[in-house]
């Protein structure tokens, strides 16, 4: 009877040990995947910051050009003693 119980105990320990090993393998795989996801998120964050910086600089440059154009448009041009104002129309495409 004692030998049968010891065998059953050994078999149970073996099964649970195998299950534990499988769980540990799954945990290791998920930890690696999580590390990859974190790395990807960090890279995307850096890319986003870089693109946002470029966008901000471009918007500032556009504002500067608009200001220069408005200044140029409102400047009077002298022709034969009379003043003429040049107006430029800018058409923006919605695409």
N, C-alpha and C. Protein backbone atom coordinates (compact mmCIF):
# COMPACT_ATOMS: atom_id res chain seq x y z
N UNK A 1 0.83 -1.19 0.00
CA UNK A 1 0.00 0.00 0.00
C UNK A 1 0.88 1.26 0.00
N UNK A 2 1.90 1.28 0.87
CA UNK A 2 2.79 2.43 0.95
C UNK A 2 3.50 2.64 -0.38
N UNK A 3 3.97 1.56 -1.01
CA UNK A 3 4.66 1.66 -2.30
C UNK A 3 3.75 2.22 -3.38
N UNK A 4 2.47 1.80 -3.40
CA UNK A 4 1.52 2.30 -4.39
C UNK A 4 1.28 3.80 -4.20
N UNK A 5 1.17 4.23 -2.95
CA UNK A 5 0.97 5.65 -2.66
C UNK A 5 2.20 6.48 -3.06
N UNK A 6 3.39 5.92 -2.81
CA UNK A 6 4.62 6.61 -3.19
C UNK A 6 4.71 6.73 -4.71
N UNK A 7 4.30 5.68 -5.43
CA UNK A 7 4.28 5.74 -6.90
C UNK A 7 3.29 6.78 -7.40
N UNK A 8 2.13 6.82 -6.80
CA UNK A 8 1.11 7.80 -7.18
C UNK A 8 1.62 9.21 -6.91
N UNK A 9 2.28 9.40 -5.77
CA UNK A 9 2.85 10.69 -5.42
C UNK A 9 3.92 11.09 -6.43
N UNK A 10 4.78 10.16 -6.81
CA UNK A 10 5.85 10.44 -7.77
C UNK A 10 5.25 10.81 -9.14
N UNK A 11 4.20 10.08 -9.56
CA UNK A 11 3.55 10.38 -10.83
C UNK A 11 2.90 11.76 -10.80
N UNK A 12 2.25 12.07 -9.67
CA UNK A 12 1.60 13.38 -9.53
C UNK A 12 2.64 14.49 -9.56
N UNK A 13 3.75 14.31 -8.84
CA UNK A 13 4.82 15.30 -8.84
C UNK A 13 5.39 15.46 -10.25
N UNK A 14 5.54 14.38 -10.98
CA UNK A 14 6.04 14.43 -12.36
C UNK A 14 5.10 15.22 -13.27
N UNK A 15 3.79 14.94 -13.14
CA UNK A 15 2.81 15.66 -13.96
C UNK A 15 2.83 17.16 -13.65
N UNK A 16 2.81 17.47 -12.35
CA UNK A 16 2.81 18.88 -11.97
C UNK A 16 4.13 19.57 -12.33
N UNK A 17 5.21 18.85 -12.25
CA UNK A 17 6.50 19.40 -12.64
C UNK A 17 6.50 19.71 -14.14
N UNK A 18 5.94 18.81 -14.95
CA UNK A 18 5.85 19.05 -16.39
C UNK A 18 4.94 20.24 -16.69
N UNK A 19 3.81 20.32 -15.98
CA UNK A 19 2.90 21.45 -16.17
C UNK A 19 3.56 22.77 -15.77
N UNK A 20 4.30 22.72 -14.65
CA UNK A 20 5.00 23.91 -14.19
C UNK A 20 6.05 24.35 -15.22
N UNK A 21 6.75 23.40 -15.79
CA UNK A 21 7.73 23.71 -16.84
C UNK A 21 7.07 24.36 -18.05
N UNK A 22 5.91 23.83 -18.44
CA UNK A 22 5.18 24.41 -19.58
C UNK A 22 4.73 25.83 -19.25
N UNK A 23 4.24 26.03 -18.02
CA UNK A 23 3.83 27.37 -17.61
C UNK A 23 5.01 28.33 -17.62
N UNK A 24 6.16 27.86 -17.14
CA UNK A 24 7.35 28.71 -17.11
C UNK A 24 7.78 29.07 -18.53
N UNK A 25 7.70 28.12 -19.45
CA UNK A 25 8.03 28.41 -20.85
C UNK A 25 7.10 29.47 -21.41
N UNK A 26 5.81 29.36 -21.09
CA UNK A 26 4.83 30.34 -21.55
C UNK A 26 5.13 31.72 -20.96
N UNK A 27 5.46 31.74 -19.68
CA UNK A 27 5.80 33.01 -19.02
C UNK A 27 7.03 33.64 -19.68
N UNK A 28 8.05 32.84 -19.93
CA UNK A 28 9.26 33.36 -20.57
C UNK A 28 8.96 33.93 -21.95
N UNK A 29 8.13 33.22 -22.73
CA UNK A 29 7.76 33.69 -24.06
C UNK A 29 7.00 35.01 -23.98
N UNK A 30 6.06 35.09 -23.03
CA UNK A 30 5.28 36.32 -22.87
C UNK A 30 6.14 37.49 -22.38
N UNK A 31 7.10 37.21 -21.51
CA UNK A 31 8.01 38.27 -21.05
C UNK A 31 8.85 38.79 -22.21
N UNK A 32 9.32 37.91 -23.08
CA UNK A 32 10.08 38.34 -24.26
C UNK A 32 9.21 39.17 -25.19
N UNK A 33 7.98 38.73 -25.39
CA UNK A 33 7.05 39.47 -26.24
C UNK A 33 6.75 40.84 -25.64
N UNK A 34 6.57 40.90 -24.34
CA UNK A 34 6.33 42.17 -23.66
C UNK A 34 7.52 43.11 -23.83
N UNK A 35 8.72 42.57 -23.73
CA UNK A 35 9.92 43.38 -23.95
C UNK A 35 9.95 43.94 -25.36
N UNK A 36 9.57 43.13 -26.34
CA UNK A 36 9.53 43.60 -27.73
C UNK A 36 8.48 44.69 -27.91
N UNK A 37 7.33 44.52 -27.27
CA UNK A 37 6.27 45.52 -27.37
C UNK A 37 6.73 46.84 -26.73
N UNK A 38 7.36 46.76 -25.57
CA UNK A 38 7.86 47.97 -24.92
C UNK A 38 8.88 48.68 -25.79
N UNK A 39 9.78 47.91 -26.38
CA UNK A 39 10.79 48.48 -27.26
C UNK A 39 10.14 49.16 -28.46
N UNK A 40 9.15 48.52 -29.02
CA UNK A 40 8.43 49.08 -30.17
C UNK A 40 7.71 50.37 -29.78
N UNK A 41 7.09 50.38 -28.61
CA UNK A 41 6.38 51.58 -28.14
C UNK A 41 7.37 52.73 -27.92
N UNK A 42 8.52 52.43 -27.35
CA UNK A 42 9.53 53.47 -27.14
C UNK A 42 9.99 54.04 -28.47
N UNK A 43 10.22 53.17 -29.46
CA UNK A 43 10.65 53.64 -30.78
C UNK A 43 9.57 54.49 -31.43
N UNK A 44 8.32 54.06 -31.30
CA UNK A 44 7.22 54.85 -31.86
C UNK A 44 7.10 56.20 -31.17
N UNK A 45 7.34 56.23 -29.86
CA UNK A 45 7.32 57.49 -29.12
C UNK A 45 8.40 58.44 -29.61
N UNK A 46 9.60 57.91 -29.84
CA UNK A 46 10.69 58.73 -30.36
C UNK A 46 10.37 59.24 -31.76
N UNK A 47 9.82 58.36 -32.60
CA UNK A 47 9.43 58.76 -33.95
C UNK A 47 8.37 59.85 -33.90
N UNK A 48 7.39 59.70 -33.00
CA UNK A 48 6.33 60.68 -32.85
C UNK A 48 6.90 62.04 -32.45
N UNK A 49 7.81 62.04 -31.46
CA UNK A 49 8.41 63.29 -31.01
C UNK A 49 9.17 63.96 -32.15
N UNK A 50 9.90 63.16 -32.92
CA UNK A 50 10.67 63.70 -34.04
C UNK A 50 9.72 64.32 -35.08
N UNK A 51 8.65 63.60 -35.43
CA UNK A 51 7.70 64.12 -36.41
C UNK A 51 6.97 65.36 -35.89
N UNK A 52 6.64 65.36 -34.61
CA UNK A 52 5.99 66.52 -34.02
C UNK A 52 6.90 67.74 -34.06
N UNK A 53 8.19 67.53 -33.81
CA UNK A 53 9.16 68.61 -33.87
C UNK A 53 9.26 69.15 -35.30
N UNK A 54 9.31 68.25 -36.28
CA UNK A 54 9.36 68.67 -37.68
C UNK A 54 8.11 69.46 -38.04
N UNK A 55 6.96 68.97 -37.62
CA UNK A 55 5.68 69.65 -37.90
C UNK A 55 5.68 71.05 -37.30
N UNK A 56 6.15 71.16 -36.07
CA UNK A 56 6.18 72.46 -35.39
C UNK A 56 7.10 73.43 -36.14
N UNK A 57 8.27 72.95 -36.53
CA UNK A 57 9.20 73.81 -37.26
C UNK A 57 8.64 74.23 -38.61
N UNK A 58 7.97 73.29 -39.29
CA UNK A 58 7.35 73.64 -40.57
C UNK A 58 6.24 74.66 -40.41
N UNK A 59 5.43 74.50 -39.37
CA UNK A 59 4.36 75.48 -39.12
C UNK A 59 4.95 76.86 -38.83
N UNK A 60 6.05 76.90 -38.09
CA UNK A 60 6.70 78.19 -37.80
C UNK A 60 7.24 78.80 -39.09
N UNK A 61 7.82 77.97 -39.94
CA UNK A 61 8.37 78.47 -41.20
C UNK A 61 7.24 78.98 -42.10
N UNK A 62 6.14 78.26 -42.16
CA UNK A 62 4.98 78.69 -42.95
C UNK A 62 4.46 80.02 -42.43
N UNK A 63 4.37 80.16 -41.11
CA UNK A 63 3.90 81.41 -40.51
C UNK A 63 4.84 82.56 -40.88
N UNK A 64 6.14 82.29 -40.88
CA UNK A 64 7.11 83.32 -41.26
C UNK A 64 6.91 83.74 -42.71
N UNK A 65 6.76 82.77 -43.61
CA UNK A 65 6.55 83.09 -45.02
C UNK A 65 5.24 83.84 -45.23
N UNK A 66 4.20 83.46 -44.53
CA UNK A 66 2.92 84.17 -44.65
C UNK A 66 3.08 85.62 -44.20
N UNK A 67 3.78 85.80 -43.10
CA UNK A 67 4.01 87.15 -42.59
C UNK A 67 4.79 87.97 -43.61
N UNK A 68 5.81 87.37 -44.19
CA UNK A 68 6.60 88.07 -45.20
C UNK A 68 5.75 88.41 -46.42
N UNK A 69 4.90 87.45 -46.82
CA UNK A 69 4.02 87.70 -47.97
C UNK A 69 3.03 88.82 -47.67
N UNK A 70 2.45 88.82 -46.49
CA UNK A 70 1.50 89.86 -46.12
C UNK A 70 2.18 91.22 -46.07
N UNK A 71 3.40 91.25 -45.58
CA UNK A 71 4.16 92.50 -45.52
C UNK A 71 4.44 92.98 -46.94
N UNK A 72 4.84 92.08 -47.80
CA UNK A 72 5.14 92.42 -49.19
C UNK A 72 3.88 92.85 -49.93
N UNK A 73 2.76 92.19 -49.65
CA UNK A 73 1.51 92.52 -50.33
C UNK A 73 1.00 93.90 -49.95
N UNK A 74 1.22 94.31 -48.73
CA UNK A 74 0.70 95.60 -48.28
C UNK A 74 1.65 96.76 -48.55
N UNK A 75 2.83 96.47 -49.06
CA UNK A 75 3.81 97.52 -49.34
C UNK A 75 3.41 98.26 -50.62
N UNK A 76 3.33 99.57 -50.57
CA UNK A 76 2.96 100.33 -51.78
C UNK A 76 4.10 100.35 -52.78
N UNK A 77 3.73 100.33 -54.06
CA UNK A 77 4.72 100.39 -55.14
C UNK A 77 4.56 101.74 -55.82
N UNK A 78 5.67 102.48 -55.93
CA UNK A 78 5.62 103.81 -56.53
C UNK A 78 5.74 103.68 -58.04
N UNK A 79 4.74 104.23 -58.77
CA UNK A 79 4.78 104.25 -60.24
C UNK A 79 4.35 105.63 -60.71
N UNK A 80 5.29 106.40 -61.19
CA UNK A 80 4.97 107.72 -61.74
C UNK A 80 4.31 108.66 -60.75
N UNK A 81 4.68 108.63 -59.52
CA UNK A 81 4.14 109.55 -58.54
C UNK A 81 2.89 109.05 -57.85
N UNK A 82 2.28 107.99 -58.35
CA UNK A 82 1.10 107.46 -57.66
C UNK A 82 1.47 106.16 -56.97
N UNK A 83 0.73 105.79 -55.98
CA UNK A 83 1.01 104.57 -55.23
C UNK A 83 0.03 103.48 -55.65
N UNK A 84 0.56 102.30 -55.85
CA UNK A 84 -0.25 101.15 -56.22
C UNK A 84 0.00 100.03 -55.22
N UNK A 85 -1.03 99.36 -54.81
CA UNK A 85 -0.90 98.24 -53.88
C UNK A 85 -1.06 96.95 -54.67
N UNK A 86 -0.12 96.03 -54.48
CA UNK A 86 -0.17 94.73 -55.16
C UNK A 86 -0.82 93.74 -54.21
N UNK A 87 -1.82 93.04 -54.71
CA UNK A 87 -2.51 92.03 -53.90
C UNK A 87 -2.28 90.67 -54.53
N UNK A 88 -1.87 89.73 -53.72
CA UNK A 88 -1.65 88.36 -54.19
C UNK A 88 -2.68 87.47 -53.53
N UNK A 89 -3.31 86.62 -54.33
CA UNK A 89 -4.30 85.69 -53.81
C UNK A 89 -3.68 84.30 -53.78
N UNK A 90 -3.79 83.65 -52.63
CA UNK A 90 -3.28 82.29 -52.49
C UNK A 90 -4.46 81.33 -52.43
N UNK A 91 -4.39 80.31 -53.27
CA UNK A 91 -5.45 79.31 -53.30
C UNK A 91 -4.91 78.05 -52.65
N UNK A 92 -5.63 77.55 -51.67
CA UNK A 92 -5.21 76.33 -50.97
C UNK A 92 -6.05 75.16 -51.41
N UNK A 93 -5.37 74.06 -51.64
CA UNK A 93 -6.07 72.83 -52.00
C UNK A 93 -6.44 72.10 -50.73
N UNK A 94 -7.60 71.45 -50.70
CA UNK A 94 -8.03 70.76 -49.50
C UNK A 94 -7.40 69.38 -49.36
N UNK A 95 -6.61 68.96 -50.32
CA UNK A 95 -6.00 67.61 -50.22
C UNK A 95 -4.61 67.65 -49.71
